[in-house]
Amino acid sequence: MAEKLNVSLVSPERELFSGAVDQVDLPAAEGAMGILPNHAPLMTAVRTGAVTMYDGGQEMRYFVQGGFADVTPAGLTILAERAMPLTEMSAETLREEIEAARADLANLSDEAALAHEAHIDGLEALFSLV
């Protein structure tokens, strides 16, 4: 039997996933990364986007916004500021979030504006998945 990666995905509202999978792809602060069993320990910030978990032939996708991912010998823990199964997000909801984020962007400058633009980019990338 192939090794599995123990994963926990948690938001302030609930635990969205707890179990063992083959691989997790996540939107990290410095770019997308894939986590496999026995990955080197690390901690990274999570940016807006989709976490994809692969198990056998199945894919499970979750929307995440902010937070941290921590890889230890025990597995991967994702503590997201906001998270939900991607199936719970509609294209209309996504459009509304992007419009609101663009309106907020007008009042920001410097690093705050750059971070907000990255958030908008993450939201826009989700359109191909919803």
C-alpha atoms as a PDB file:
ATOM      1  CA  MET A   1       0.000   0.000   0.000  1.00  0.00           C
ATOM      2  CA  ALA A   2       1.350   3.420  -0.979  1.00  0.00           C
ATOM      3  CA  GLU A   3       2.032   5.976   1.707  1.00  0.00           C
ATOM      4  CA  LYS A   4      -0.596   8.614   2.358  1.00  0.00           C
ATOM      5  CA  LEU A   5      -0.417  12.204   3.567  1.00  0.00           C
ATOM      6  CA  ASN A   6      -2.494  13.030   6.639  1.00  0.00           C
ATOM      7  CA  VAL A   7      -4.312  16.303   5.996  1.00  0.00           C
ATOM      8  CA  SER A   8      -6.448  18.625   8.073  1.00  0.00           C
ATOM      9  CA  LEU A   9      -8.138  21.680   6.536  1.00  0.00           C
ATOM     10  CA  VAL A  10      -9.671  23.978   9.125  1.00  0.00           C
ATOM     11  CA  SER A  11     -11.408  27.364   9.015  1.00  0.00           C
ATOM     12  CA  PRO A  12     -12.694  29.369  11.997  1.00  0.00           C
ATOM     13  CA  GLU A  13     -16.197  28.004  11.317  1.00  0.00           C
ATOM     14  CA  ARG A  14     -15.440  24.300  10.917  1.00  0.00           C
ATOM     15  CA  GLU A  15     -13.102  21.495  10.016  1.00  0.00           C
ATOM     16  CA  LEU A  16     -13.625  20.931   6.312  1.00  0.00           C
ATOM     17  CA  PHE A  17     -11.444  17.886   5.822  1.00  0.00           C
ATOM     18  CA  SER A  18      -9.508  15.424   7.933  1.00  0.00           C
ATOM     19  CA  GLY A  19      -8.063  12.323   6.358  1.00  0.00           C
ATOM     20  CA  ALA A  20      -5.307  10.732   4.333  1.00  0.00           C
ATOM     21  CA  VAL A  21      -4.709  11.542   0.649  1.00  0.00           C
ATOM     22  CA  ASP A  22      -2.047  10.968  -2.004  1.00  0.00           C
ATOM     23  CA  GLN A  23      -1.225  14.631  -2.711  1.00  0.00           C
ATOM     24  CA  VAL A  24      -2.336  18.193  -1.964  1.00  0.00           C
ATOM     25  CA  ASP A  25      -1.810  21.200  -4.226  1.00  0.00           C
ATOM     26  CA  LEU A  26      -2.183  24.552  -2.499  1.00  0.00           C
ATOM     27  CA  PRO A  27      -1.838  28.258  -3.306  1.00  0.00           C
ATOM     28  CA  ALA A  28       1.161  29.288  -1.216  1.00  0.00           C
ATOM     29  CA  ALA A  29       2.421  32.834  -0.785  1.00  0.00           C
ATOM     30  CA  GLU A  30       5.320  32.290  -3.189  1.00  0.00           C
ATOM     31  CA  GLY A  31       3.315  30.283  -5.720  1.00  0.00           C
ATOM     32  CA  ALA A  32       1.505  26.993  -6.107  1.00  0.00           C
ATOM     33  CA  MET A  33       3.041  23.999  -4.374  1.00  0.00           C
ATOM     34  CA  GLY A  34       2.381  20.292  -4.261  1.00  0.00           C
ATOM     35  CA  ILE A  35       2.709  18.356  -1.022  1.00  0.00           C
ATOM     36  CA  LEU A  36       3.319  14.605  -1.070  1.00  0.00           C
ATOM     37  CA  PRO A  37       3.827  12.126   1.787  1.00  0.00           C
ATOM     38  CA  ASN A  38       7.215  12.609   3.504  1.00  0.00           C
ATOM     39  CA  HIS A  39       7.513  16.223   2.312  1.00  0.00           C
ATOM     40  CA  ALA A  40      10.190  18.255   4.074  1.00  0.00           C
ATOM     41  CA  PRO A  41       8.815  20.262   7.005  1.00  0.00           C
ATOM     42  CA  LEU A  42       7.790  23.815   6.153  1.00  0.00           C
ATOM     43  CA  MET A  43       5.373  26.573   7.026  1.00  0.00           C
ATOM     44  CA  THR A  44       3.970  28.983   4.452  1.00  0.00           C
ATOM     45  CA  ALA A  45       1.273  31.600   4.147  1.00  0.00           C
ATOM     46  CA  VAL A  46      -1.748  30.626   2.044  1.00  0.00           C
ATOM     47  CA  ARG A  47      -3.114  32.990  -0.571  1.00  0.00           C
ATOM     48  CA  THR A  48      -6.572  33.089  -2.128  1.00  0.00           C
ATOM     49  CA  GLY A  49      -7.213  30.157  -4.443  1.00  0.00           C
ATOM     50  CA  ALA A  50      -8.077  26.477  -4.596  1.00  0.00           C
ATOM     51  CA  VAL A  51      -6.653  23.641  -2.522  1.00  0.00           C
ATOM     52  CA  THR A  52      -6.886  20.405  -4.483  1.00  0.00           C
ATOM     53  CA  MET A  53      -6.594  17.053  -2.733  1.00  0.00           C
ATOM     54  CA  TYR A  54      -5.941  13.910  -4.760  1.00  0.00           C
ATOM     55  CA  ASP A  55      -6.813  10.462  -3.489  1.00  0.00           C
ATOM     56  CA  GLY A  56      -6.790   7.559  -5.892  1.00  0.00           C
ATOM     57  CA  GLY A  57      -8.637   8.872  -8.933  1.00  0.00           C
ATOM     58  CA  GLN A  58     -10.639  11.423  -6.936  1.00  0.00           C
ATOM     59  CA  GLU A  59     -10.079  15.171  -6.692  1.00  0.00           C
ATOM     60  CA  MET A  60     -11.534  17.298  -3.905  1.00  0.00           C
ATOM     61  CA  ARG A  61     -11.331  21.070  -4.229  1.00  0.00           C
ATOM     62  CA  TYR A  62     -11.733  23.756  -1.575  1.00  0.00           C
ATOM     63  CA  PHE A  63     -11.732  27.543  -1.789  1.00  0.00           C
ATOM     64  CA  VAL A  64      -9.277  29.094   0.670  1.00  0.00           C
ATOM     65  CA  GLN A  65      -8.473  32.681   1.553  1.00  0.00           C
ATOM     66  CA  GLY A  66      -5.543  33.536   3.799  1.00  0.00           C
ATOM     67  CA  GLY A  67      -4.055  31.560   6.616  1.00  0.00           C
ATOM     68  CA  PHE A  68      -1.121  29.183   6.950  1.00  0.00           C
ATOM     69  CA  ALA A  69      -0.079  25.711   5.864  1.00  0.00           C
ATOM     70  CA  ASP A  70       2.203  23.662   8.100  1.00  0.00           C
ATOM     71  CA  VAL A  71       3.935  20.483   6.939  1.00  0.00           C
ATOM     72  CA  THR A  72       5.362  18.274   9.688  1.00  0.00           C
ATOM     73  CA  PRO A  73       6.350  14.600   9.802  1.00  0.00           C
ATOM     74  CA  ALA A  74       2.766  13.957  10.982  1.00  0.00           C
ATOM     75  CA  GLY A  75       1.228  15.522   7.851  1.00  0.00           C
ATOM     76  CA  LEU A  76      -0.217  18.783   6.515  1.00  0.00           C
ATOM     77  CA  THR A  77      -2.396  21.203   8.437  1.00  0.00           C
ATOM     78  CA  ILE A  78      -4.036  24.108   6.612  1.00  0.00           C
ATOM     79  CA  LEU A  79      -5.448  26.805   8.889  1.00  0.00           C
ATOM     80  CA  ALA A  80      -7.438  29.031   6.549  1.00  0.00           C
ATOM     81  CA  GLU A  81      -8.962  32.384   7.442  1.00  0.00           C
ATOM     82  CA  ARG A  82     -11.840  31.417   5.166  1.00  0.00           C
ATOM     83  CA  ALA A  83     -12.550  28.111   3.437  1.00  0.00           C
ATOM     84  CA  MET A  84     -15.382  26.154   1.859  1.00  0.00           C
ATOM     85  CA  PRO A  85     -15.838  23.285  -0.562  1.00  0.00           C
ATOM     86  CA  LEU A  86     -15.551  24.750  -4.046  1.00  0.00           C
ATOM     87  CA  THR A  87     -18.908  23.150  -4.863  1.00  0.00           C
ATOM     88  CA  GLU A  88     -20.512  25.664  -2.468  1.00  0.00           C
ATOM     89  CA  MET A  89     -19.233  28.645  -4.487  1.00  0.00           C
ATOM     90  CA  SER A  90     -21.199  29.807  -7.520  1.00  0.00           C
ATOM     91  CA  ALA A  91     -19.937  31.885 -10.429  1.00  0.00           C
ATOM     92  CA  GLU A  92     -22.324  34.664  -9.367  1.00  0.00           C
ATOM     93  CA  THR A  93     -20.965  34.715  -5.819  1.00  0.00           C
ATOM     94  CA  LEU A  94     -17.458  34.799  -7.232  1.00  0.00           C
ATOM     95  CA  ARG A  95     -18.333  37.764  -9.497  1.00  0.00           C
ATOM     96  CA  GLU A  96     -19.789  39.650  -6.525  1.00  0.00           C
ATOM     97  CA  GLU A  97     -16.662  39.006  -4.441  1.00  0.00           C
ATOM     98  CA  ILE A  98     -14.415  40.222  -7.255  1.00  0.00           C
ATOM     99  CA  GLU A  99     -16.478  43.397  -7.731  1.00  0.00           C
ATOM    100  CA  ALA A 100     -16.371  44.137  -3.992  1.00  0.00           C
ATOM    101  CA  ALA A 101     -12.620  43.488  -3.870  1.00  0.00           C
ATOM    102  CA  ARG A 102     -12.031  45.815  -6.836  1.00  0.00           C
ATOM    103  CA  ALA A 103     -14.052  48.536  -5.101  1.00  0.00           C
ATOM    104  CA  ASP A 104     -11.931  48.100  -1.950  1.00  0.00           C
ATOM    105  CA  LEU A 105      -8.758  48.282  -4.027  1.00  0.00           C
ATOM    106  CA  ALA A 106      -9.488  51.899  -4.944  1.00  0.00           C
ATOM    107  CA  ASN A 107      -8.858  52.895  -1.298  1.00  0.00           C
ATOM    108  CA  LEU A 108      -5.547  51.051  -0.906  1.00  0.00           C
ATOM    109  CA  SER A 109      -1.966  51.821  -1.832  1.00  0.00           C
ATOM    110  CA  ASP A 110       1.509  50.322  -1.716  1.00  0.00           C
ATOM    111  CA  GLU A 111       1.822  46.838  -0.174  1.00  0.00           C
ATOM    112  CA  ALA A 112      -1.825  46.678   0.837  1.00  0.00           C
ATOM    113  CA  ALA A 113      -2.829  47.282  -2.775  1.00  0.00           C
ATOM    114  CA  LEU A 114      -0.428  44.594  -4.022  1.00  0.00           C
ATOM    115  CA  ALA A 115      -1.789  42.069  -1.531  1.00  0.00           C
ATOM    116  CA  HIS A 116      -5.346  42.927  -2.533  1.00  0.00           C
ATOM    117  CA  GLU A 117      -4.491  42.545  -6.225  1.00  0.00           C
ATOM    118  CA  ALA A 118      -3.112  39.067  -5.467  1.00  0.00           C
ATOM    119  CA  HIS A 119      -6.402  38.270  -3.700  1.00  0.00           C
ATOM    120  CA  ILE A 120      -8.346  39.389  -6.788  1.00  0.00           C
ATOM    121  CA  ASP A 121      -6.065  37.307  -9.044  1.00  0.00           C
ATOM    122  CA  GLY A 122      -6.783  34.273  -6.865  1.00  0.00           C
ATOM    123  CA  LEU A 123     -10.524  34.841  -7.098  1.00  0.00           C
ATOM    124  CA  GLU A 124     -10.365  35.263 -10.877  1.00  0.00           C
ATOM    125  CA  ALA A 125      -8.403  32.015 -11.239  1.00  0.00           C
ATOM    126  CA  LEU A 126     -11.301  30.154  -9.609  1.00  0.00           C
ATOM    127  CA  PHE A 127     -13.653  30.863 -12.530  1.00  0.00           C
ATOM    128  CA  SER A 128     -12.336  27.869 -14.452  1.00  0.00           C
ATOM    129  CA  LEU A 129     -13.208  25.625 -11.494  1.00  0.00           C
ATOM    130  CA  VAL A 130     -16.738  26.756 -10.531  1.00  0.00           C
END
